[in-house]
Amino acid sequence: VQLQASGGGLVPPGGSLRLSCAHSGLVLDSYAIGWFRQAPGKEREGVSCMTSVGSHTYYADSVKGRFTISRDNAKNTIYLQMDNLEPEDTAVYYCATTYVAQHCSAFGWVREYGINHWGKGTQVTVSS
């Protein structure tokens, strides 16, 4: 499995960015895929995820209402639309997957249950 994240950059507070994660090699029909982030000096945080079947989604409270996860199955790509960005959103963002779709939840994603593939990160910096 390969996960390639892109779309990071420098944006002022209140701005928007869209991250992309192109994936290949996911051979099972059922899985969950989504995003983590890690800011300097902080623990990694589960930001959002989506299941491949049923499109169940999870968002961390810190991003709920500002971030939207979506996917384009034809392009094997998921997206994280990030609006109204805050300096606290500054972090390296990672794409990840688990074959246990039920782990896309407030309980499982936060604890990184069953994460079996990680992509390289993309830096997001929110600063004026």
N, C-alpha and C. Protein backbone atom coordinates (compact mmCIF):
# COMPACT_ATOMS: atom_id res chain seq x y z
N VAL A 1 0.85 -1.19 0.00
CA VAL A 1 0.00 0.00 0.00
C VAL A 1 0.89 1.24 0.00
N GLN A 2 0.53 2.16 -0.87
CA GLN A 2 1.25 3.44 -0.91
C GLN A 2 0.27 4.58 -0.70
N LEU A 3 0.67 5.51 0.12
CA LEU A 3 -0.13 6.69 0.41
C LEU A 3 0.73 7.92 0.15
N GLN A 4 0.26 8.81 -0.69
CA GLN A 4 1.03 10.00 -1.05
C GLN A 4 0.22 11.23 -0.73
N ALA A 5 0.63 11.94 0.33
CA ALA A 5 -0.09 13.16 0.72
C ALA A 5 0.54 14.37 0.05
N SER A 6 -0.30 15.33 -0.25
CA SER A 6 0.17 16.58 -0.85
C SER A 6 -0.82 17.70 -0.52
N GLY A 7 -0.42 18.93 -0.84
CA GLY A 7 -1.33 20.06 -0.69
C GLY A 7 -1.02 20.97 0.48
N GLY A 8 -0.02 20.63 1.27
CA GLY A 8 0.32 21.50 2.38
C GLY A 8 0.93 22.81 1.92
N GLY A 9 1.08 23.73 2.86
CA GLY A 9 1.68 25.02 2.52
C GLY A 9 1.51 26.02 3.65
N LEU A 10 1.81 27.27 3.32
CA LEU A 10 1.70 28.37 4.27
C LEU A 10 0.44 29.17 3.95
N VAL A 11 -0.39 29.40 4.95
CA VAL A 11 -1.64 30.11 4.74
C VAL A 11 -1.89 31.01 5.95
N PRO A 12 -2.47 32.18 5.76
CA PRO A 12 -2.76 33.06 6.90
C PRO A 12 -3.96 32.54 7.69
N PRO A 13 -4.07 32.96 8.94
CA PRO A 13 -5.26 32.58 9.73
C PRO A 13 -6.54 32.96 9.02
N GLY A 14 -7.50 32.05 9.08
CA GLY A 14 -8.75 32.25 8.37
C GLY A 14 -8.75 31.72 6.95
N GLY A 15 -7.59 31.32 6.47
CA GLY A 15 -7.48 30.81 5.11
C GLY A 15 -7.88 29.36 4.97
N SER A 16 -7.72 28.84 3.77
CA SER A 16 -8.12 27.47 3.45
C SER A 16 -7.02 26.74 2.71
N LEU A 17 -7.01 25.44 2.88
CA LEU A 17 -6.13 24.54 2.13
C LEU A 17 -6.89 23.25 1.89
N ARG A 18 -6.53 22.55 0.81
CA ARG A 18 -7.07 21.23 0.57
C ARG A 18 -5.93 20.24 0.45
N LEU A 19 -5.90 19.28 1.35
CA LEU A 19 -4.91 18.22 1.28
C LEU A 19 -5.46 17.06 0.45
N SER A 20 -4.55 16.39 -0.23
CA SER A 20 -4.91 15.21 -1.01
C SER A 20 -4.07 14.03 -0.55
N CYS A 21 -4.64 12.84 -0.63
CA CYS A 21 -3.90 11.61 -0.35
C CYS A 21 -4.25 10.61 -1.44
N ALA A 22 -3.31 10.40 -2.34
CA ALA A 22 -3.49 9.41 -3.39
C ALA A 22 -3.03 8.06 -2.85
N HIS A 23 -3.89 7.05 -3.00
CA HIS A 23 -3.56 5.74 -2.45
C HIS A 23 -3.60 4.66 -3.52
N SER A 24 -2.79 3.64 -3.29
CA SER A 24 -2.77 2.48 -4.19
C SER A 24 -2.47 1.24 -3.39
N GLY A 25 -2.96 0.12 -3.87
CA GLY A 25 -2.68 -1.16 -3.23
C GLY A 25 -3.65 -1.57 -2.16
N LEU A 26 -4.71 -0.81 -1.94
CA LEU A 26 -5.73 -1.22 -0.96
C LEU A 26 -6.61 -2.26 -1.62
N VAL A 27 -6.36 -3.52 -1.32
CA VAL A 27 -7.02 -4.60 -2.04
C VAL A 27 -8.35 -5.02 -1.42
N LEU A 28 -8.57 -4.67 -0.15
CA LEU A 28 -9.83 -5.03 0.47
C LEU A 28 -10.89 -3.99 0.16
N ASP A 29 -12.14 -4.42 0.13
CA ASP A 29 -13.23 -3.48 -0.15
C ASP A 29 -13.54 -2.63 1.07
N SER A 30 -13.31 -3.19 2.26
CA SER A 30 -13.67 -2.47 3.49
C SER A 30 -12.42 -2.01 4.21
N TYR A 31 -12.32 -0.73 4.43
CA TYR A 31 -11.21 -0.15 5.16
C TYR A 31 -11.60 1.26 5.58
N ALA A 32 -10.76 1.84 6.39
CA ALA A 32 -10.93 3.24 6.75
C ALA A 32 -9.64 3.97 6.38
N ILE A 33 -9.78 5.20 5.98
CA ILE A 33 -8.63 6.01 5.57
C ILE A 33 -8.85 7.42 6.07
N GLY A 34 -7.77 8.08 6.44
CA GLY A 34 -7.96 9.43 6.96
C GLY A 34 -6.66 10.11 7.31
N TRP A 35 -6.76 11.05 8.24
CA TRP A 35 -5.67 11.98 8.50
C TRP A 35 -5.33 12.05 9.99
N PHE A 36 -4.03 12.16 10.23
CA PHE A 36 -3.48 12.50 11.54
C PHE A 36 -2.64 13.75 11.36
N ARG A 37 -2.32 14.37 12.45
CA ARG A 37 -1.39 15.50 12.41
C ARG A 37 -0.53 15.51 13.66
N GLN A 38 0.65 16.09 13.52
CA GLN A 38 1.55 16.21 14.65
C GLN A 38 2.22 17.57 14.61
N ALA A 39 1.97 18.34 15.65
CA ALA A 39 2.60 19.65 15.80
C ALA A 39 3.89 19.50 16.59
N PRO A 40 4.83 20.42 16.43
CA PRO A 40 6.09 20.34 17.18
C PRO A 40 5.85 20.26 18.68
N GLY A 41 6.47 19.28 19.32
CA GLY A 41 6.35 19.14 20.77
C GLY A 41 5.04 18.56 21.26
N LYS A 42 4.18 18.12 20.33
CA LYS A 42 2.88 17.57 20.74
C LYS A 42 2.73 16.15 20.24
N GLU A 43 1.81 15.43 20.86
CA GLU A 43 1.51 14.07 20.42
C GLU A 43 0.72 14.11 19.11
N ARG A 44 0.83 13.03 18.38
CA ARG A 44 0.08 12.91 17.14
C ARG A 44 -1.41 12.85 17.45
N GLU A 45 -2.21 13.49 16.62
CA GLU A 45 -3.65 13.61 16.84
C GLU A 45 -4.42 13.05 15.65
N GLY A 46 -5.40 12.24 15.91
CA GLY A 46 -6.28 11.76 14.86
C GLY A 46 -7.25 12.86 14.47
N VAL A 47 -7.21 13.32 13.24
CA VAL A 47 -7.98 14.48 12.80
C VAL A 47 -9.32 14.07 12.20
N SER A 48 -9.28 13.15 11.25
CA SER A 48 -10.51 12.78 10.56
C SER A 48 -10.29 11.48 9.81
N CYS A 49 -11.38 10.75 9.59
CA CYS A 49 -11.30 9.52 8.79
C CYS A 49 -12.64 9.26 8.13
N MET A 50 -12.58 8.32 7.18
CA MET A 50 -13.78 7.95 6.42
C MET A 50 -13.70 6.47 6.11
N THR A 51 -14.83 5.78 6.18
CA THR A 51 -14.85 4.37 5.81
C THR A 51 -15.10 4.22 4.31
N SER A 52 -14.59 3.14 3.75
CA SER A 52 -14.74 2.92 2.32
C SER A 52 -16.16 2.50 1.96
N VAL A 53 -16.84 1.84 2.89
CA VAL A 53 -18.22 1.39 2.68
C VAL A 53 -19.13 2.19 3.60
N GLY A 54 -20.13 2.81 3.04
CA GLY A 54 -21.07 3.57 3.86
C GLY A 54 -20.67 5.00 4.11
N SER A 55 -19.41 5.35 3.85
CA SER A 55 -18.92 6.73 4.01
C SER A 55 -19.15 7.30 5.40
N HIS A 56 -19.01 6.45 6.40
CA HIS A 56 -19.03 6.96 7.78
C HIS A 56 -17.81 7.84 7.98
N THR A 57 -17.99 8.96 8.69
CA THR A 57 -16.88 9.86 8.94
C THR A 57 -16.70 10.15 10.41
N TYR A 58 -15.48 10.53 10.77
CA TYR A 58 -15.17 10.97 12.12
C TYR A 58 -14.35 12.25 12.01
N TYR A 59 -14.62 13.20 12.92
CA TYR A 59 -13.83 14.42 13.03
C TYR A 59 -13.46 14.66 14.48
N ALA A 60 -12.23 15.05 14.72
CA ALA A 60 -11.84 15.49 16.04
C ALA A 60 -12.61 16.76 16.40
N ASP A 61 -12.89 16.94 17.67
CA ASP A 61 -13.64 18.13 18.09
C ASP A 61 -12.92 19.42 17.67
N SER A 62 -11.61 19.37 17.63
CA SER A 62 -10.82 20.57 17.33
C SER A 62 -11.00 21.05 15.89
N VAL A 63 -11.50 20.18 15.01
CA VAL A 63 -11.64 20.56 13.60
C VAL A 63 -13.08 20.49 13.10
N LYS A 64 -13.96 19.98 13.95
CA LYS A 64 -15.35 19.80 13.54
C LYS A 64 -15.96 21.13 13.11
N GLY A 65 -16.62 21.12 11.96
CA GLY A 65 -17.22 22.33 11.44
C GLY A 65 -16.30 23.16 10.57
N ARG A 66 -15.00 22.84 10.58
CA ARG A 66 -14.04 23.58 9.74
C ARG A 66 -13.40 22.70 8.68
N PHE A 67 -13.24 21.43 8.99
CA PHE A 67 -12.59 20.48 8.06
C PHE A 67 -13.65 19.54 7.48
N THR A 68 -13.44 19.14 6.23
CA THR A 68 -14.34 18.19 5.58
C THR A 68 -13.51 17.14 4.84
N ILE A 69 -13.79 15.89 5.13
CA ILE A 69 -13.10 14.80 4.44
C ILE A 69 -13.99 14.30 3.31
N SER A 70 -13.38 13.96 2.19
CA SER A 70 -14.15 13.45 1.05
C SER A 70 -13.25 12.54 0.23
N ARG A 71 -13.83 11.91 -0.79
CA ARG A 71 -13.01 11.01 -1.61
C ARG A 71 -13.48 11.03 -3.05
N ASP A 72 -12.58 10.67 -3.93
CA ASP A 72 -12.88 10.49 -5.34
C ASP A 72 -12.41 9.08 -5.67
N ASN A 73 -13.35 8.14 -5.74
CA ASN A 73 -12.98 6.74 -5.95
C ASN A 73 -12.32 6.52 -7.31
N ALA A 74 -12.72 7.29 -8.29
CA ALA A 74 -12.15 7.13 -9.63
C ALA A 74 -10.66 7.48 -9.64
N LYS A 75 -10.27 8.37 -8.73
CA LYS A 75 -8.87 8.80 -8.67
C LYS A 75 -8.12 8.15 -7.52
N ASN A 76 -8.80 7.27 -6.76
CA ASN A 76 -8.17 6.65 -5.57
C ASN A 76 -7.53 7.71 -4.68
N THR A 77 -8.30 8.73 -4.40
CA THR A 77 -7.78 9.87 -3.66
C THR A 77 -8.79 10.32 -2.61
N ILE A 78 -8.29 10.65 -1.44
CA ILE A 78 -9.14 11.31 -0.45
C ILE A 78 -8.62 12.72 -0.26
N TYR A 79 -9.51 13.55 0.24
CA TYR A 79 -9.19 14.97 0.42
C TYR A 79 -9.55 15.41 1.83
N LEU A 80 -8.86 16.42 2.29
CA LEU A 80 -9.22 17.08 3.54
C LEU A 80 -9.30 18.57 3.24
N GLN A 81 -10.52 19.06 3.12
CA GLN A 81 -10.73 20.49 2.92
C GLN A 81 -10.67 21.17 4.28
N MET A 82 -9.76 22.10 4.41
CA MET A 82 -9.54 22.76 5.69
C MET A 82 -9.86 24.25 5.53
N ASP A 83 -10.90 24.68 6.19
CA ASP A 83 -11.33 26.08 6.12
C ASP A 83 -11.17 26.76 7.48
N ASN A 84 -11.17 28.09 7.44
CA ASN A 84 -11.05 28.88 8.67
C ASN A 84 -9.89 28.37 9.52
N LEU A 85 -8.75 28.23 8.89
CA LEU A 85 -7.58 27.67 9.57
C LEU A 85 -7.09 28.58 10.69
N GLU A 86 -6.59 27.94 11.72
CA GLU A 86 -6.09 28.63 12.90
C GLU A 86 -4.61 28.29 13.08
N PRO A 87 -3.87 29.17 13.77
CA PRO A 87 -2.45 28.84 14.02
C PRO A 87 -2.26 27.49 14.70
N GLU A 88 -3.26 27.09 15.50
CA GLU A 88 -3.18 25.80 16.19
C GLU A 88 -3.28 24.61 15.24
N ASP A 89 -3.66 24.86 14.00
CA ASP A 89 -3.72 23.79 13.01
C ASP A 89 -2.35 23.52 12.37
N THR A 90 -1.37 24.33 12.71
CA THR A 90 -0.03 24.13 12.17
C THR A 90 0.53 22.78 12.63
N ALA A 91 0.90 21.95 11.66
CA ALA A 91 1.38 20.60 11.96
C ALA A 91 1.80 19.92 10.67
N VAL A 92 2.44 18.77 10.84
CA VAL A 92 2.63 17.87 9.71
C VAL A 92 1.43 16.95 9.66
N TYR A 93 0.80 16.87 8.50
CA TYR A 93 -0.40 16.06 8.32
C TYR A 93 -0.04 14.77 7.59
N TYR A 94 -0.52 13.64 8.14
CA TYR A 94 -0.23 12.33 7.60
C TYR A 94 -1.52 11.63 7.19
N CYS A 95 -1.44 10.92 6.09
CA CYS A 95 -2.53 10.06 5.65
C CYS A 95 -2.26 8.65 6.17
N ALA A 96 -3.30 7.93 6.56
CA ALA A 96 -3.12 6.59 7.11
C ALA A 96 -4.35 5.74 6.84
N THR A 97 -4.17 4.42 6.91
CA THR A 97 -5.28 3.50 6.69
C THR A 97 -5.31 2.39 7.73
N THR A 98 -6.47 1.82 7.90
CA THR A 98 -6.65 0.60 8.68
C THR A 98 -7.64 -0.28 7.95
N TYR A 99 -7.43 -1.58 7.98
CA TYR A 99 -8.36 -2.51 7.35
C TYR A 99 -9.56 -2.81 8.25
N VAL A 100 -9.54 -2.29 9.47
CA VAL A 100 -10.68 -2.47 10.36
C VAL A 100 -11.49 -1.17 10.32
N ALA A 101 -12.48 -1.14 9.48
CA ALA A 101 -13.23 0.09 9.26
C ALA A 101 -13.87 0.62 10.53
N GLN A 102 -14.19 -0.28 11.46
CA GLN A 102 -14.83 0.17 12.70
C GLN A 102 -13.92 1.07 13.53
N HIS A 103 -12.64 1.06 13.24
CA HIS A 103 -11.71 1.91 13.98
C HIS A 103 -11.82 3.37 13.56
N CYS A 104 -12.60 3.66 12.55
CA CYS A 104 -12.87 5.06 12.20
C CYS A 104 -13.97 5.55 13.15
N SER A 105 -13.54 5.95 14.33
CA SER A 105 -14.48 6.37 15.36
C SER A 105 -13.76 7.26 16.36
N ALA A 106 -14.52 7.87 17.22
CA ALA A 106 -13.92 8.73 18.24
C ALA A 106 -13.03 7.93 19.18
N PHE A 107 -13.33 6.62 19.29
CA PHE A 107 -12.53 5.77 20.18
C PHE A 107 -11.30 5.22 19.45
N GLY A 108 -11.51 4.65 18.26
CA GLY A 108 -10.44 3.94 17.59
C GLY A 108 -9.43 4.82 16.88
N TRP A 109 -9.91 5.85 16.18
CA TRP A 109 -8.99 6.67 15.38
C TRP A 109 -8.05 7.45 16.28
N VAL A 110 -8.59 7.96 17.38
CA VAL A 110 -7.78 8.73 18.32
C VAL A 110 -6.64 7.87 18.88
N ARG A 111 -6.93 6.59 19.09
CA ARG A 111 -5.93 5.68 19.68
C ARG A 111 -5.11 4.95 18.62
N GLU A 112 -5.34 5.28 17.36
CA GLU A 112 -4.58 4.70 16.25
C GLU A 112 -4.73 3.18 16.20
N TYR A 113 -5.91 2.69 16.60
CA TYR A 113 -6.15 1.26 16.58
C TYR A 113 -6.07 0.73 15.14
N GLY A 114 -5.26 -0.30 14.95
CA GLY A 114 -5.25 -1.01 13.69
C GLY A 114 -4.64 -0.26 12.52
N ILE A 115 -3.99 0.87 12.75
CA ILE A 115 -3.37 1.60 11.63
C ILE A 115 -2.23 0.74 11.08
N ASN A 116 -2.30 0.41 9.82
CA ASN A 116 -1.28 -0.48 9.27
C ASN A 116 -0.48 0.15 8.13
N HIS A 117 -0.87 1.33 7.68
CA HIS A 117 -0.08 2.00 6.65
C HIS A 117 -0.10 3.50 6.90
N TRP A 118 1.08 4.09 6.77
CA TRP A 118 1.22 5.53 6.92
C TRP A 118 1.86 6.11 5.66
N GLY A 119 1.41 7.30 5.30
CA GLY A 119 2.07 8.02 4.23
C GLY A 119 3.06 9.03 4.81
N LYS A 120 3.89 9.57 3.94
CA LYS A 120 4.76 10.66 4.37
C LYS A 120 3.92 11.91 4.58
N GLY A 121 4.35 12.75 5.48
CA GLY A 121 3.56 13.90 5.84
C GLY A 121 3.68 15.07 4.89
N THR A 122 2.75 16.00 5.05
CA THR A 122 2.79 17.26 4.33
C THR A 122 2.62 18.38 5.36
N GLN A 123 3.47 19.39 5.26
CA GLN A 123 3.49 20.44 6.28
C GLN A 123 2.41 21.48 6.00
N VAL A 124 1.66 21.80 7.05
CA VAL A 124 0.68 22.88 7.00
C VAL A 124 1.10 23.92 8.03
N THR A 125 1.29 25.14 7.59
CA THR A 125 1.68 26.23 8.48
C THR A 125 0.66 27.35 8.36
N VAL A 126 0.06 27.71 9.49
CA VAL A 126 -0.92 28.78 9.53
C VAL A 126 -0.30 29.95 10.29
N SER A 127 0.01 30.99 9.56
CA SER A 127 0.71 32.12 10.16
C SER A 127 0.52 33.36 9.32
N SER A 128 0.47 34.50 10.00
CA SER A 128 0.38 35.77 9.27
C SER A 128 1.78 36.32 9.00
